[in-house]
Every structure is written in structure tokens, then in C-alpha cells.
C-alpha atoms as a PDB file:
ATOM      1  CA  UNK A   1       1.342  -4.979  19.474  1.00  0.00           C
ATOM      2  CA  UNK A   2       1.992  -1.982  17.020  1.00  0.00           C
ATOM      3  CA  UNK A   3       5.451  -1.057  16.279  1.00  0.00           C
ATOM      4  CA  UNK A   4       6.984   1.987  17.473  1.00  0.00           C
ATOM      5  CA  UNK A   5       8.066   4.810  15.893  1.00  0.00           C
ATOM      6  CA  UNK A   6      11.836   5.199  15.958  1.00  0.00           C
ATOM      7  CA  UNK A   7      12.642   8.289  18.408  1.00  0.00           C
ATOM      8  CA  UNK A   8       9.259   8.425  19.658  1.00  0.00           C
ATOM      9  CA  UNK A   9       7.050   7.399  22.494  1.00  0.00           C
ATOM     10  CA  UNK A  10       3.958   6.699  20.434  1.00  0.00           C
ATOM     11  CA  UNK A  11       3.366   3.696  18.669  1.00  0.00           C
ATOM     12  CA  UNK A  12       2.767   3.623  15.114  1.00  0.00           C
ATOM     13  CA  UNK A  13      -0.895   3.317  14.137  1.00  0.00           C
ATOM     14  CA  UNK A  14      -0.717   2.242  10.860  1.00  0.00           C
ATOM     15  CA  UNK A  15       1.685   0.676   8.372  1.00  0.00           C
ATOM     16  CA  UNK A  16       0.933   1.737   4.649  1.00  0.00           C
ATOM     17  CA  UNK A  17       0.610  -1.121   2.104  1.00  0.00           C
ATOM     18  CA  UNK A  18       3.746  -1.409   0.298  1.00  0.00           C
ATOM     19  CA  UNK A  19       5.860  -1.176   3.633  1.00  0.00           C
ATOM     20  CA  UNK A  20       7.280  -3.466   6.185  1.00  0.00           C
ATOM     21  CA  UNK A  21       8.559  -2.563   9.655  1.00  0.00           C
ATOM     22  CA  UNK A  22      11.988  -3.920   9.670  1.00  0.00           C
ATOM     23  CA  UNK A  23      14.326  -2.786  12.819  1.00  0.00           C
ATOM     24  CA  UNK A  24      11.779   0.130  13.771  1.00  0.00           C
ATOM     25  CA  UNK A  25      11.971   1.744   9.900  1.00  0.00           C
ATOM     26  CA  UNK A  26       9.208   1.539   7.312  1.00  0.00           C
ATOM     27  CA  UNK A  27      11.212  -0.390   4.359  1.00  0.00           C
ATOM     28  CA  UNK A  28       9.599  -0.948   0.909  1.00  0.00           C
ATOM     29  CA  UNK A  29       8.257  -3.921   0.294  1.00  0.00           C
ATOM     30  CA  UNK A  30       8.981  -4.481  -3.227  1.00  0.00           C
ATOM     31  CA  UNK A  31       6.507  -6.932  -4.322  1.00  0.00           C
ATOM     32  CA  UNK A  32       3.465  -4.938  -3.077  1.00  0.00           C
ATOM     33  CA  UNK A  33       5.298  -1.678  -3.940  1.00  0.00           C
ATOM     34  CA  UNK A  34       5.074  -3.204  -7.849  1.00  0.00           C
ATOM     35  CA  UNK A  35       1.159  -3.587  -7.397  1.00  0.00           C
ATOM     36  CA  UNK A  36       0.585  -0.060  -6.723  1.00  0.00           C
ATOM     37  CA  UNK A  37       2.532   0.971  -9.294  1.00  0.00           C
ATOM     38  CA  UNK A  38       0.525  -0.923 -11.485  1.00  0.00           C
ATOM     39  CA  UNK A  39      -2.436   0.068 -10.449  1.00  0.00           C
ATOM     40  CA  UNK A  40      -1.193   3.415 -11.269  1.00  0.00           C
ATOM     41  CA  UNK A  41      -0.542   2.816 -14.148  1.00  0.00           C
ATOM     42  CA  UNK A  42      -3.617   0.632 -15.036  1.00  0.00           C
ATOM     43  CA  UNK A  43      -5.665   3.751 -13.811  1.00  0.00           C
ATOM     44  CA  UNK A  44      -4.135   6.389 -15.508  1.00  0.00           C
ATOM     45  CA  UNK A  45      -4.573   4.310 -18.782  1.00  0.00           C
ATOM     46  CA  UNK A  46      -8.248   4.334 -18.315  1.00  0.00           C
ATOM     47  CA  UNK A  47      -9.327   1.509 -16.156  1.00  0.00           C
ATOM     48  CA  UNK A  48     -11.174   1.873 -13.421  1.00  0.00           C
ATOM     49  CA  UNK A  49      -9.788   1.560  -9.714  1.00  0.00           C
ATOM     50  CA  UNK A  50     -11.503  -1.927  -9.439  1.00  0.00           C
ATOM     51  CA  UNK A  51     -10.255  -3.072 -12.459  1.00  0.00           C
ATOM     52  CA  UNK A  52      -6.838  -2.060 -11.638  1.00  0.00           C
ATOM     53  CA  UNK A  53      -6.576  -3.476  -8.491  1.00  0.00           C
ATOM     54  CA  UNK A  54      -7.980  -6.732 -10.287  1.00  0.00           C
ATOM     55  CA  UNK A  55      -5.434  -6.687 -12.840  1.00  0.00           C
ATOM     56  CA  UNK A  56      -2.750  -7.425 -10.398  1.00  0.00           C
ATOM     57  CA  UNK A  57      -4.600  -9.711  -8.455  1.00  0.00           C
ATOM     58  CA  UNK A  58      -6.019  -7.797  -5.527  1.00  0.00           C
ATOM     59  CA  UNK A  59      -9.710  -7.714  -4.873  1.00  0.00           C
ATOM     60  CA  UNK A  60     -10.797  -4.484  -3.397  1.00  0.00           C
ATOM     61  CA  UNK A  61     -13.904  -2.066  -3.255  1.00  0.00           C
ATOM     62  CA  UNK A  62     -13.226   1.516  -5.107  1.00  0.00           C
ATOM     63  CA  UNK A  63     -12.685   3.061  -1.718  1.00  0.00           C
ATOM     64  CA  UNK A  64     -10.176   0.676  -0.899  1.00  0.00           C
ATOM     65  CA  UNK A  65      -7.930   1.458  -3.773  1.00  0.00           C
ATOM     66  CA  UNK A  66      -8.360   5.250  -4.081  1.00  0.00           C
ATOM     67  CA  UNK A  67      -6.982   5.176  -0.202  1.00  0.00           C
ATOM     68  CA  UNK A  68      -4.759   3.104  -1.229  1.00  0.00           C
ATOM     69  CA  UNK A  69      -3.061   5.291  -3.810  1.00  0.00           C
END
């Protein structure tokens, strides 16, 4: 079952990577947030999306990493 948006009748369809739903609210998951920050840092330093994700232990496609950040 999808979590309900606070004060809304519709369900949340997607929980962004780096967040978790606690008590009906999106809360930052610090471990995953660190991964996203590091991927951004790696990409800005010249790494490819795939290499940047692999550096933090994630195996993803180019498009998957691009959508995540």
C-alpha cells in the first residue's frame, strides 16, 4: 500500500531516493542522502554518472543515476 500524503486524499506514488516516510512525512535518510551528495560531487569533478554511482557502492544505469540527481 502506498503512503498517503498528509492532508490529501490521494496516495503518494513515488518516494524519492534518499527519503523515507515516517508518520506520513518525507524524512531524509542520511545514509542515502550522503550517497546522493557524493554522486553529485563525483560527477562535478569529472566522473561519469555510472562511475560516480559505483564509487558509493551503487550499480545503476546512466539514466537511473541521471534521474536520481
